[in-house]
Amino acid sequence: MFWRSVDPTDKGGQFCDRGDSYATAIFANSPEQEKIAEASLTMLGKSGVLKQPIVTPVRTAGAFYPAEGYHQDYYTKNPLRYKFYRLSCGRDARIKELWGAEAHKGIEKH
């Protein structure tokens, strides 16, 4: 679900959101999680699904700081704004380009 929700080939951020704080990463909380994430990353790389190199790293999780309240569940609190964001930033088009028409089956809200 994670891979098909992001552009793991974009090192500069995601869609309209640019900069290091918007770059994708997988943060593992244990050696087991890290192993699973690395295996997933390796399988995706070997699959040949993506035409560009995957730049999403697997990192050891550090301290976690929740975002401000207005960011929490933004897509449910502001569904029209979120839909506009997805369309105006080309998010859905890019996800479809990367993963195909079936990319969002079951995860349309996120």
PDB file of N, CA and C in Angstrom:
ATOM      1  N   MET A   1       0.827  -1.181   0.000  1.00  0.00           N
ATOM      2  CA  MET A   1       0.000   0.000   0.000  1.00  0.00           C
ATOM      3  C   MET A   1       0.881   1.258   0.000  1.00  0.00           C
ATOM      4  N   PHE A   2       1.954   1.248   0.771  1.00  0.00           N
ATOM      5  CA  PHE A   2       2.832   2.412   0.829  1.00  0.00           C
ATOM      6  C   PHE A   2       3.386   2.753  -0.550  1.00  0.00           C
ATOM      7  N   TRP A   3       4.006   1.766  -1.210  1.00  0.00           N
ATOM      8  CA  TRP A   3       4.657   2.049  -2.486  1.00  0.00           C
ATOM      9  C   TRP A   3       3.703   2.664  -3.491  1.00  0.00           C
ATOM     10  N   ARG A   4       2.489   2.174  -3.553  1.00  0.00           N
ATOM     11  CA  ARG A   4       1.534   2.643  -4.558  1.00  0.00           C
ATOM     12  C   ARG A   4       0.847   3.947  -4.177  1.00  0.00           C
ATOM     13  N   SER A   5       1.204   4.506  -3.032  1.00  0.00           N
ATOM     14  CA  SER A   5       0.652   5.790  -2.590  1.00  0.00           C
ATOM     15  C   SER A   5       1.618   6.949  -2.812  1.00  0.00           C
ATOM     16  N   VAL A   6       2.838   6.626  -3.202  1.00  0.00           N
ATOM     17  CA  VAL A   6       3.882   7.642  -3.350  1.00  0.00           C
ATOM     18  C   VAL A   6       4.594   7.471  -4.687  1.00  0.00           C
ATOM     19  N   ASP A   7       5.457   8.441  -4.979  1.00  0.00           N
ATOM     20  CA  ASP A   7       6.371   8.326  -6.106  1.00  0.00           C
ATOM     21  C   ASP A   7       7.754   8.042  -5.526  1.00  0.00           C
ATOM     22  N   PRO A   8       8.148   6.768  -5.432  1.00  0.00           N
ATOM     23  CA  PRO A   8       9.430   6.433  -4.811  1.00  0.00           C
ATOM     24  C   PRO A   8      10.638   6.756  -5.685  1.00  0.00           C
ATOM     25  N   THR A   9      10.399   7.354  -6.852  1.00  0.00           N
ATOM     26  CA  THR A   9      11.493   7.734  -7.743  1.00  0.00           C
ATOM     27  C   THR A   9      11.823   9.219  -7.651  1.00  0.00           C
ATOM     28  N   ASP A  10      11.104   9.963  -6.831  1.00  0.00           N
ATOM     29  CA  ASP A  10      11.274  11.414  -6.734  1.00  0.00           C
ATOM     30  C   ASP A  10      12.016  11.766  -5.448  1.00  0.00           C
ATOM     31  N   LYS A  11      13.272  12.153  -5.568  1.00  0.00           N
ATOM     32  CA  LYS A  11      14.100  12.475  -4.408  1.00  0.00           C
ATOM     33  C   LYS A  11      13.804  13.865  -3.840  1.00  0.00           C
ATOM     34  N   GLY A  12      13.143  14.729  -4.627  1.00  0.00           N
ATOM     35  CA  GLY A  12      12.948  16.115  -4.218  1.00  0.00           C
ATOM     36  C   GLY A  12      11.667  16.411  -3.487  1.00  0.00           C
ATOM     37  N   GLY A  13      10.880  15.401  -3.153  1.00  0.00           N
ATOM     38  CA  GLY A  13       9.614  15.615  -2.469  1.00  0.00           C
ATOM     39  C   GLY A  13       8.529  14.774  -3.111  1.00  0.00           C
ATOM     40  N   GLN A  14       7.290  15.213  -2.972  1.00  0.00           N
ATOM     41  CA  GLN A  14       6.168  14.486  -3.547  1.00  0.00           C
ATOM     42  C   GLN A  14       5.212  15.459  -4.206  1.00  0.00           C
ATOM     43  N   PHE A  15       5.040  15.266  -5.524  1.00  0.00           N
ATOM     44  CA  PHE A  15       4.062  16.038  -6.287  1.00  0.00           C
ATOM     45  C   PHE A  15       4.348  17.534  -6.148  1.00  0.00           C
ATOM     46  N   CYS A  16       3.421  18.378  -5.700  1.00  0.00           N
ATOM     47  CA  CYS A  16       3.687  19.826  -5.546  1.00  0.00           C
ATOM     48  C   CYS A  16       4.511  20.123  -4.310  1.00  0.00           C
ATOM     49  N   ASP A  17       4.567  19.216  -3.390  1.00  0.00           N
ATOM     50  CA  ASP A  17       5.264  19.445  -2.130  1.00  0.00           C
ATOM     51  C   ASP A  17       6.740  19.100  -2.318  1.00  0.00           C
ATOM     52  N   ARG A  18       7.573  20.123  -2.290  1.00  0.00           N
ATOM     53  CA  ARG A  18       8.981  19.960  -2.592  1.00  0.00           C
ATOM     54  C   ARG A  18       9.828  20.199  -1.349  1.00  0.00           C
ATOM     55  N   GLY A  19      10.966  19.586  -1.303  1.00  0.00           N
ATOM     56  CA  GLY A  19      11.901  19.764  -0.204  1.00  0.00           C
ATOM     57  C   GLY A  19      12.095  18.491   0.592  1.00  0.00           C
ATOM     58  N   ASP A  20      13.151  18.495   1.407  1.00  0.00           N
ATOM     59  CA  ASP A  20      13.509  17.308   2.187  1.00  0.00           C
ATOM     60  C   ASP A  20      12.386  16.809   3.086  1.00  0.00           C
ATOM     61  N   SER A  21      11.607  17.710   3.655  1.00  0.00           N
ATOM     62  CA  SER A  21      10.558  17.269   4.587  1.00  0.00           C
ATOM     63  C   SER A  21       9.416  16.544   3.876  1.00  0.00           C
ATOM     64  N   TYR A  22       9.384  16.600   2.553  1.00  0.00           N
ATOM     65  CA  TYR A  22       8.345  15.910   1.780  1.00  0.00           C
ATOM     66  C   TYR A  22       8.876  14.680   1.057  1.00  0.00           C
ATOM     67  N   ALA A  23      10.153  14.393   1.198  1.00  0.00           N
ATOM     68  CA  ALA A  23      10.736  13.223   0.554  1.00  0.00           C
ATOM     69  C   ALA A  23      10.228  11.954   1.234  1.00  0.00           C
ATOM     70  N   THR A  24      10.094  10.891   0.458  1.00  0.00           N
ATOM     71  CA  THR A  24       9.616   9.634   1.024  1.00  0.00           C
ATOM     72  C   THR A  24      10.735   8.908   1.768  1.00  0.00           C
ATOM     73  N   ALA A  25      10.354   8.139   2.755  1.00  0.00           N
ATOM     74  CA  ALA A  25      11.260   7.272   3.504  1.00  0.00           C
ATOM     75  C   ALA A  25      10.408   6.264   4.267  1.00  0.00           C
ATOM     76  N   ILE A  26      11.004   5.140   4.553  1.00  0.00           N
ATOM     77  CA  ILE A  26      10.382   4.148   5.426  1.00  0.00           C
ATOM     78  C   ILE A  26      11.187   4.158   6.716  1.00  0.00           C
ATOM     79  N   PHE A  27      10.502   4.369   7.842  1.00  0.00           N
ATOM     80  CA  PHE A  27      11.161   4.425   9.144  1.00  0.00           C
ATOM     81  C   PHE A  27      10.833   3.164   9.927  1.00  0.00           C
ATOM     82  N   ALA A  28      11.850   2.356  10.164  1.00  0.00           N
ATOM     83  CA  ALA A  28      11.674   1.085  10.865  1.00  0.00           C
ATOM     84  C   ALA A  28      11.885   1.263  12.356  1.00  0.00           C
ATOM     85  N   ASN A  29      10.998   0.647  13.138  1.00  0.00           N
ATOM     86  CA  ASN A  29      11.081   0.716  14.595  1.00  0.00           C
ATOM     87  C   ASN A  29      11.807  -0.465  15.220  1.00  0.00           C
ATOM     88  N   SER A  30      12.199  -1.428  14.395  1.00  0.00           N
ATOM     89  CA  SER A  30      12.897  -2.601  14.924  1.00  0.00           C
ATOM     90  C   SER A  30      13.722  -3.216  13.788  1.00  0.00           C
ATOM     91  N   PRO A  31      14.676  -4.060  14.142  1.00  0.00           N
ATOM     92  CA  PRO A  31      15.437  -4.757  13.096  1.00  0.00           C
ATOM     93  C   PRO A  31      14.529  -5.603  12.192  1.00  0.00           C
ATOM     94  N   GLU A  32      13.488  -6.176  12.764  1.00  0.00           N
ATOM     95  CA  GLU A  32      12.555  -6.979  11.968  1.00  0.00           C
ATOM     96  C   GLU A  32      11.827  -6.110  10.938  1.00  0.00           C
ATOM     97  N   GLN A  33      11.342  -4.943  11.358  1.00  0.00           N
ATOM     98  CA  GLN A  33      10.693  -4.032  10.422  1.00  0.00           C
ATOM     99  C   GLN A  33      11.660  -3.590   9.333  1.00  0.00           C
ATOM    100  N   GLU A  34      12.892  -3.330   9.720  1.00  0.00           N
ATOM    101  CA  GLU A  34      13.892  -2.907   8.745  1.00  0.00           C
ATOM    102  C   GLU A  34      14.130  -4.005   7.709  1.00  0.00           C
ATOM    103  N   LYS A  35      14.208  -5.226   8.169  1.00  0.00           N
ATOM    104  CA  LYS A  35      14.408  -6.366   7.267  1.00  0.00           C
ATOM    105  C   LYS A  35      13.236  -6.508   6.286  1.00  0.00           C
ATOM    106  N   ILE A  36      12.031  -6.371   6.796  1.00  0.00           N
ATOM    107  CA  ILE A  36      10.836  -6.467   5.943  1.00  0.00           C
ATOM    108  C   ILE A  36      10.816  -5.340   4.920  1.00  0.00           C
ATOM    109  N   ALA A  37      11.124  -4.123   5.374  1.00  0.00           N
ATOM    110  CA  ALA A  37      11.130  -2.972   4.470  1.00  0.00           C
ATOM    111  C   ALA A  37      12.201  -3.121   3.400  1.00  0.00           C
ATOM    112  N   GLU A  38      13.380  -3.546   3.786  1.00  0.00           N
ATOM    113  CA  GLU A  38      14.465  -3.745   2.814  1.00  0.00           C
ATOM    114  C   GLU A  38      14.091  -4.819   1.798  1.00  0.00           C
ATOM    115  N   ALA A  39      13.445  -5.894   2.263  1.00  0.00           N
ATOM    116  CA  ALA A  39      13.013  -6.957   1.345  1.00  0.00           C
ATOM    117  C   ALA A  39      11.979  -6.429   0.362  1.00  0.00           C
ATOM    118  N   SER A  40      11.060  -5.614   0.846  1.00  0.00           N
ATOM    119  CA  SER A  40      10.043  -5.022  -0.014  1.00  0.00           C
ATOM    120  C   SER A  40      10.682  -4.107  -1.063  1.00  0.00           C
ATOM    121  N   LEU A  41      11.624  -3.306  -0.621  1.00  0.00           N
ATOM    122  CA  LEU A  41      12.346  -2.406  -1.518  1.00  0.00           C
ATOM    123  C   LEU A  41      13.103  -3.192  -2.585  1.00  0.00           C
ATOM    124  N   THR A  42      13.770  -4.243  -2.179  1.00  0.00           N
ATOM    125  CA  THR A  42      14.514  -5.088  -3.121  1.00  0.00           C
ATOM    126  C   THR A  42      13.586  -5.741  -4.127  1.00  0.00           C
ATOM    127  N   MET A  43      12.468  -6.282  -3.654  1.00  0.00           N
ATOM    128  CA  MET A  43      11.507  -6.923  -4.564  1.00  0.00           C
ATOM    129  C   MET A  43      10.966  -5.930  -5.575  1.00  0.00           C
ATOM    130  N   LEU A  44      10.629  -4.728  -5.123  1.00  0.00           N
ATOM    131  CA  LEU A  44      10.118  -3.711  -6.033  1.00  0.00           C
ATOM    132  C   LEU A  44      11.184  -3.361  -7.069  1.00  0.00           C
ATOM    133  N   GLY A  45      12.411  -3.187  -6.636  1.00  0.00           N
ATOM    134  CA  GLY A  45      13.488  -2.861  -7.563  1.00  0.00           C
ATOM    135  C   GLY A  45      13.706  -3.932  -8.615  1.00  0.00           C
ATOM    136  N   LYS A  46      13.645  -5.180  -8.201  1.00  0.00           N
ATOM    137  CA  LYS A  46      13.842  -6.300  -9.124  1.00  0.00           C
ATOM    138  C   LYS A  46      12.651  -6.537 -10.040  1.00  0.00           C
ATOM    139  N   SER A  47      11.488  -6.035  -9.658  1.00  0.00           N
ATOM    140  CA  SER A  47      10.268  -6.292 -10.431  1.00  0.00           C
ATOM    141  C   SER A  47      10.282  -5.629 -11.795  1.00  0.00           C
ATOM    142  N   GLY A  48      11.016  -4.533 -11.925  1.00  0.00           N
ATOM    143  CA  GLY A  48      11.036  -3.805 -13.183  1.00  0.00           C
ATOM    144  C   GLY A  48       9.798  -2.972 -13.437  1.00  0.00           C
ATOM    145  N   VAL A  49       8.926  -2.853 -12.449  1.00  0.00           N
ATOM    146  CA  VAL A  49       7.693  -2.080 -12.597  1.00  0.00           C
ATOM    147  C   VAL A  49       8.004  -0.604 -12.845  1.00  0.00           C
ATOM    148  N   LEU A  50       8.968  -0.083 -12.106  1.00  0.00           N
ATOM    149  CA  LEU A  50       9.313   1.327 -12.232  1.00  0.00           C
ATOM    150  C   LEU A  50      10.457   1.490 -13.230  1.00  0.00           C
ATOM    151  N   LYS A  51      10.361   2.505 -14.050  1.00  0.00           N
ATOM    152  CA  LYS A  51      11.368   2.739 -15.082  1.00  0.00           C
ATOM    153  C   LYS A  51      12.557   3.541 -14.571  1.00  0.00           C
ATOM    154  N   GLN A  52      12.389   4.225 -13.431  1.00  0.00           N
ATOM    155  CA  GLN A  52      13.451   5.023 -12.847  1.00  0.00           C
ATOM    156  C   GLN A  52      13.911   4.364 -11.544  1.00  0.00           C
ATOM    157  N   PRO A  53      15.111   4.696 -11.091  1.00  0.00           N
ATOM    158  CA  PRO A  53      15.599   4.120  -9.828  1.00  0.00           C
ATOM    159  C   PRO A  53      14.746   4.545  -8.633  1.00  0.00           C
ATOM    160  N   ILE A  54      14.622   3.659  -7.676  1.00  0.00           N
ATOM    161  CA  ILE A  54      13.907   3.947  -6.437  1.00  0.00           C
ATOM    162  C   ILE A  54      14.876   4.695  -5.514  1.00  0.00           C
ATOM    163  N   VAL A  55      14.438   5.838  -5.012  1.00  0.00           N
ATOM    164  CA  VAL A  55      15.288   6.656  -4.141  1.00  0.00           C
ATOM    165  C   VAL A  55      14.766   6.707  -2.703  1.00  0.00           C
ATOM    166  N   THR A  56      13.673   6.023  -2.423  1.00  0.00           N
ATOM    167  CA  THR A  56      13.108   5.988  -1.076  1.00  0.00           C
ATOM    168  C   THR A  56      13.999   5.135  -0.183  1.00  0.00           C
ATOM    169  N   PRO A  57      14.594   5.722   0.862  1.00  0.00           N
ATOM    170  CA  PRO A  57      15.462   4.938   1.742  1.00  0.00           C
ATOM    171  C   PRO A  57      14.682   4.262   2.873  1.00  0.00           C
ATOM    172  N   VAL A  58      15.312   3.249   3.445  1.00  0.00           N
ATOM    173  CA  VAL A  58      14.827   2.643   4.686  1.00  0.00           C
ATOM    174  C   VAL A  58      15.760   3.149   5.774  1.00  0.00           C
ATOM    175  N   ARG A  59      15.172   3.732   6.811  1.00  0.00           N
ATOM    176  CA  ARG A  59      15.955   4.329   7.893  1.00  0.00           C
ATOM    177  C   ARG A  59      15.474   3.820   9.242  1.00  0.00           C
ATOM    178  N   THR A  60      16.337   3.916  10.229  1.00  0.00           N
ATOM    179  CA  THR A  60      15.954   3.596  11.599  1.00  0.00           C
ATOM    180  C   THR A  60      15.144   4.771  12.136  1.00  0.00           C
ATOM    181  N   ALA A  61      14.007   4.462  12.704  1.00  0.00           N
ATOM    182  CA  ALA A  61      13.132   5.513  13.236  1.00  0.00           C
ATOM    183  C   ALA A  61      13.779   6.187  14.437  1.00  0.00           C
ATOM    184  N   GLY A  62      13.570   7.476  14.514  1.00  0.00           N
ATOM    185  CA  GLY A  62      14.022   8.252  15.665  1.00  0.00           C
ATOM    186  C   GLY A  62      12.809   8.741  16.426  1.00  0.00           C
ATOM    187  N   ALA A  63      12.965   9.850  17.076  1.00  0.00           N
ATOM    188  CA  ALA A  63      11.839  10.446  17.799  1.00  0.00           C
ATOM    189  C   ALA A  63      10.738  10.812  16.812  1.00  0.00           C
ATOM    190  N   PHE A  64       9.504  10.637  17.240  1.00  0.00           N
ATOM    191  CA  PHE A  64       8.349  10.943  16.390  1.00  0.00           C
ATOM    192  C   PHE A  64       7.598  12.125  16.992  1.00  0.00           C
ATOM    193  N   TYR A  65       7.292  13.084  16.148  1.00  0.00           N
ATOM    194  CA  TYR A  65       6.539  14.259  16.573  1.00  0.00           C
ATOM    195  C   TYR A  65       5.298  14.387  15.701  1.00  0.00           C
ATOM    196  N   PRO A  66       4.118  14.197  16.259  1.00  0.00           N
ATOM    197  CA  PRO A  66       2.897  14.310  15.456  1.00  0.00           C
ATOM    198  C   PRO A  66       2.772  15.717  14.859  1.00  0.00           C
ATOM    199  N   ALA A  67       2.204  15.775  13.673  1.00  0.00           N
ATOM    200  CA  ALA A  67       1.945  17.068  13.031  1.00  0.00           C
ATOM    201  C   ALA A  67       0.852  17.801  13.798  1.00  0.00           C
ATOM    202  N   GLU A  68       0.721  19.074  13.521  1.00  0.00           N
ATOM    203  CA  GLU A  68      -0.306  19.889  14.157  1.00  0.00           C
ATOM    204  C   GLU A  68      -1.686  19.290  13.859  1.00  0.00           C
ATOM    205  N   GLY A  69      -2.633  19.593  14.720  1.00  0.00           N
ATOM    206  CA  GLY A  69      -3.976  19.039  14.612  1.00  0.00           C
ATOM    207  C   GLY A  69      -4.640  19.259  13.264  1.00  0.00           C
ATOM    208  N   TYR A  70      -4.426  20.426  12.645  1.00  0.00           N
ATOM    209  CA  TYR A  70      -5.097  20.688  11.362  1.00  0.00           C
ATOM    210  C   TYR A  70      -4.555  19.817  10.235  1.00  0.00           C
ATOM    211  N   HIS A  71      -3.391  19.174  10.448  1.00  0.00           N
ATOM    212  CA  HIS A  71      -2.857  18.241   9.447  1.00  0.00           C
ATOM    213  C   HIS A  71      -3.416  16.831   9.630  1.00  0.00           C
ATOM    214  N   GLN A  72      -3.859  16.521  10.829  1.00  0.00           N
ATOM    215  CA  GLN A  72      -4.336  15.170  11.133  1.00  0.00           C
ATOM    216  C   GLN A  72      -5.633  14.884  10.370  1.00  0.00           C
ATOM    217  N   ASP A  73      -5.666  13.760   9.669  1.00  0.00           N
ATOM    218  CA  ASP A  73      -6.855  13.334   8.904  1.00  0.00           C
ATOM    219  C   ASP A  73      -7.361  14.444   7.988  1.00  0.00           C
ATOM    220  N   TYR A  74      -6.445  15.176   7.401  1.00  0.00           N
ATOM    221  CA  TYR A  74      -6.802  16.321   6.562  1.00  0.00           C
ATOM    222  C   TYR A  74      -7.801  15.934   5.469  1.00  0.00           C
ATOM    223  N   TYR A  75      -7.586  14.770   4.862  1.00  0.00           N
ATOM    224  CA  TYR A  75      -8.449  14.359   3.754  1.00  0.00           C
ATOM    225  C   TYR A  75      -9.901  14.142   4.185  1.00  0.00           C
ATOM    226  N   THR A  76     -10.139  13.840   5.472  1.00  0.00           N
ATOM    227  CA  THR A  76     -11.522  13.685   5.930  1.00  0.00           C
ATOM    228  C   THR A  76     -12.106  15.006   6.418  1.00  0.00           C
ATOM    229  N   LYS A  77     -11.261  15.872   6.974  1.00  0.00           N
ATOM    230  CA  LYS A  77     -11.720  17.167   7.471  1.00  0.00           C
ATOM    231  C   LYS A  77     -11.948  18.174   6.350  1.00  0.00           C
ATOM    232  N   ASN A  78     -11.194  18.030   5.269  1.00  0.00           N
ATOM    233  CA  ASN A  78     -11.256  18.967   4.142  1.00  0.00           C
ATOM    234  C   ASN A  78     -11.289  18.204   2.821  1.00  0.00           C
ATOM    235  N   PRO A  79     -12.327  17.395   2.609  1.00  0.00           N
ATOM    236  CA  PRO A  79     -12.329  16.526   1.432  1.00  0.00           C
ATOM    237  C   PRO A  79     -12.255  17.265   0.098  1.00  0.00           C
ATOM    238  N   LEU A  80     -12.916  18.403  -0.036  1.00  0.00           N
ATOM    239  CA  LEU A  80     -12.867  19.127  -1.304  1.00  0.00           C
ATOM    240  C   LEU A  80     -11.484  19.726  -1.549  1.00  0.00           C
ATOM    241  N   ARG A  81     -10.903  20.304  -0.523  1.00  0.00           N
ATOM    242  CA  ARG A  81      -9.550  20.866  -0.674  1.00  0.00           C
ATOM    243  C   ARG A  81      -8.544  19.773  -0.994  1.00  0.00           C
ATOM    244  N   TYR A  82      -8.692  18.626  -0.331  1.00  0.00           N
ATOM    245  CA  TYR A  82      -7.753  17.535  -0.584  1.00  0.00           C
ATOM    246  C   TYR A  82      -7.914  17.013  -2.007  1.00  0.00           C
ATOM    247  N   LYS A  83      -9.134  16.892  -2.462  1.00  0.00           N
ATOM    248  CA  LYS A  83      -9.362  16.439  -3.839  1.00  0.00           C
ATOM    249  C   LYS A  83      -8.782  17.447  -4.831  1.00  0.00           C
ATOM    250  N   PHE A  84      -8.962  18.739  -4.563  1.00  0.00           N
ATOM    251  CA  PHE A  84      -8.395  19.776  -5.424  1.00  0.00           C
ATOM    252  C   PHE A  84      -6.873  19.680  -5.436  1.00  0.00           C
ATOM    253  N   TYR A  85      -6.276  19.482  -4.274  1.00  0.00           N
ATOM    254  CA  TYR A  85      -4.821  19.314  -4.184  1.00  0.00           C
ATOM    255  C   TYR A  85      -4.365  18.153  -5.056  1.00  0.00           C
ATOM    256  N   ARG A  86      -5.018  17.021  -4.909  1.00  0.00           N
ATOM    257  CA  ARG A  86      -4.617  15.831  -5.675  1.00  0.00           C
ATOM    258  C   ARG A  86      -4.701  16.078  -7.173  1.00  0.00           C
ATOM    259  N   LEU A  87      -5.739  16.752  -7.606  1.00  0.00           N
ATOM    260  CA  LEU A  87      -5.897  17.017  -9.034  1.00  0.00           C
ATOM    261  C   LEU A  87      -4.942  18.103  -9.520  1.00  0.00           C
ATOM    262  N   SER A  88      -4.851  19.215  -8.780  1.00  0.00           N
ATOM    263  CA  SER A  88      -4.046  20.346  -9.240  1.00  0.00           C
ATOM    264  C   SER A  88      -2.549  20.055  -9.192  1.00  0.00           C
ATOM    265  N   CYS A  89      -2.120  19.185  -8.301  1.00  0.00           N
ATOM    266  CA  CYS A  89      -0.698  18.847  -8.207  1.00  0.00           C
ATOM    267  C   CYS A  89      -0.309  17.695  -9.125  1.00  0.00           C
ATOM    268  N   GLY A  90      -1.274  17.103  -9.758  1.00  0.00           N
ATOM    269  CA  GLY A  90      -0.970  15.981 -10.633  1.00  0.00           C
ATOM    270  C   GLY A  90      -0.682  14.693  -9.886  1.00  0.00           C
ATOM    271  N   ARG A  91      -1.049  14.642  -8.620  1.00  0.00           N
ATOM    272  CA  ARG A  91      -0.770  13.461  -7.808  1.00  0.00           C
ATOM    273  C   ARG A  91      -1.385  12.204  -8.409  1.00  0.00           C
ATOM    274  N   ASP A  92      -2.679  12.246  -8.648  1.00  0.00           N
ATOM    275  CA  ASP A  92      -3.356  11.043  -9.147  1.00  0.00           C
ATOM    276  C   ASP A  92      -2.831  10.627 -10.519  1.00  0.00           C
ATOM    277  N   ALA A  93      -2.563  11.615 -11.369  1.00  0.00           N
ATOM    278  CA  ALA A  93      -2.039  11.306 -12.705  1.00  0.00           C
ATOM    279  C   ALA A  93      -0.659  10.651 -12.599  1.00  0.00           C
ATOM    280  N   ARG A  94       0.185  11.155 -11.702  1.00  0.00           N
ATOM    281  CA  ARG A  94       1.527  10.588 -11.545  1.00  0.00           C
ATOM    282  C   ARG A  94       1.459   9.182 -10.958  1.00  0.00           C
ATOM    283  N   ILE A  95       0.602   8.977  -9.980  1.00  0.00           N
ATOM    284  CA  ILE A  95       0.438   7.642  -9.400  1.00  0.00           C
ATOM    285  C   ILE A  95      -0.031   6.662 -10.479  1.00  0.00           C
ATOM    286  N   LYS A  96      -0.980   7.093 -11.300  1.00  0.00           N
ATOM    287  CA  LYS A  96      -1.475   6.231 -12.373  1.00  0.00           C
ATOM    288  C   LYS A  96      -0.373   5.949 -13.396  1.00  0.00           C
ATOM    289  N   GLU A  97       0.423   6.970 -13.703  1.00  0.00           N
ATOM    290  CA  GLU A  97       1.535   6.791 -14.646  1.00  0.00           C
ATOM    291  C   GLU A  97       2.532   5.765 -14.105  1.00  0.00           C
ATOM    292  N   LEU A  98       2.844   5.849 -12.822  1.00  0.00           N
ATOM    293  CA  LEU A  98       3.807   4.934 -12.217  1.00  0.00           C
ATOM    294  C   LEU A  98       3.272   3.517 -12.053  1.00  0.00           C
ATOM    295  N   TRP A  99       2.055   3.418 -11.544  1.00  0.00           N
ATOM    296  CA  TRP A  99       1.544   2.136 -11.078  1.00  0.00           C
ATOM    297  C   TRP A  99       0.413   1.553 -11.916  1.00  0.00           C
ATOM    298  N   GLY A 100      -0.159   2.333 -12.825  1.00  0.00           N
ATOM    299  CA  GLY A 100      -1.260   1.840 -13.643  1.00  0.00           C
ATOM    300  C   GLY A 100      -2.613   2.181 -13.054  1.00  0.00           C
ATOM    301  N   ALA A 101      -3.646   1.846 -13.799  1.00  0.00           N
ATOM    302  CA  ALA A 101      -5.013   2.217 -13.434  1.00  0.00           C
ATOM    303  C   ALA A 101      -5.477   1.577 -12.122  1.00  0.00           C
ATOM    304  N   GLU A 102      -4.920   0.460 -11.744  1.00  0.00           N
ATOM    305  CA  GLU A 102      -5.349  -0.247 -10.539  1.00  0.00           C
ATOM    306  C   GLU A 102      -4.644   0.229  -9.279  1.00  0.00           C
ATOM    307  N   ALA A 103      -3.795   1.232  -9.405  1.00  0.00           N
ATOM    308  CA  ALA A 103      -2.939   1.653  -8.296  1.00  0.00           C
ATOM    309  C   ALA A 103      -3.710   1.997  -7.027  1.00  0.00           C
ATOM    310  N   HIS A 104      -4.834   2.645  -7.131  1.00  0.00           N
ATOM    311  CA  HIS A 104      -5.527   3.143  -5.936  1.00  0.00           C
ATOM    312  C   HIS A 104      -6.687   2.266  -5.493  1.00  0.00           C
ATOM    313  N   LYS A 105      -6.838   1.125  -6.057  1.00  0.00           N
ATOM    314  CA  LYS A 105      -7.942   0.266  -5.653  1.00  0.00           C
ATOM    315  C   LYS A 105      -7.879   0.001  -4.152  1.00  0.00           C
ATOM    316  N   GLY A 106      -8.875   0.459  -3.439  1.00  0.00           N
ATOM    317  CA  GLY A 106      -8.944   0.239  -1.999  1.00  0.00           C
ATOM    318  C   GLY A 106      -8.266   1.314  -1.165  1.00  0.00           C
ATOM    319  N   ILE A 107      -7.539   2.244  -1.802  1.00  0.00           N
ATOM    320  CA  ILE A 107      -6.863   3.286  -1.017  1.00  0.00           C
ATOM    321  C   ILE A 107      -7.162   4.656  -1.608  1.00  0.00           C
ATOM    322  N   GLU A 108      -8.309   4.820  -2.205  1.00  0.00           N
ATOM    323  CA  GLU A 108      -8.663   6.068  -2.870  1.00  0.00           C
ATOM    324  C   GLU A 108      -8.610   7.286  -1.970  1.00  0.00           C
ATOM    325  N   LYS A 109      -8.864   7.137  -0.700  1.00  0.00           N
ATOM    326  CA  LYS A 109      -8.948   8.278   0.219  1.00  0.00           C
ATOM    327  C   LYS A 109      -7.576   8.822   0.571  1.00  0.00           C
ATOM    328  N   HIS A 110      -6.540   8.031   0.534  1.00  0.00           N
ATOM    329  CA  HIS A 110      -5.219   8.452   1.027  1.00  0.00           C
ATOM    330  C   HIS A 110      -4.360   9.009  -0.074  1.00  0.00           C
TER     331      HIS A 110
END
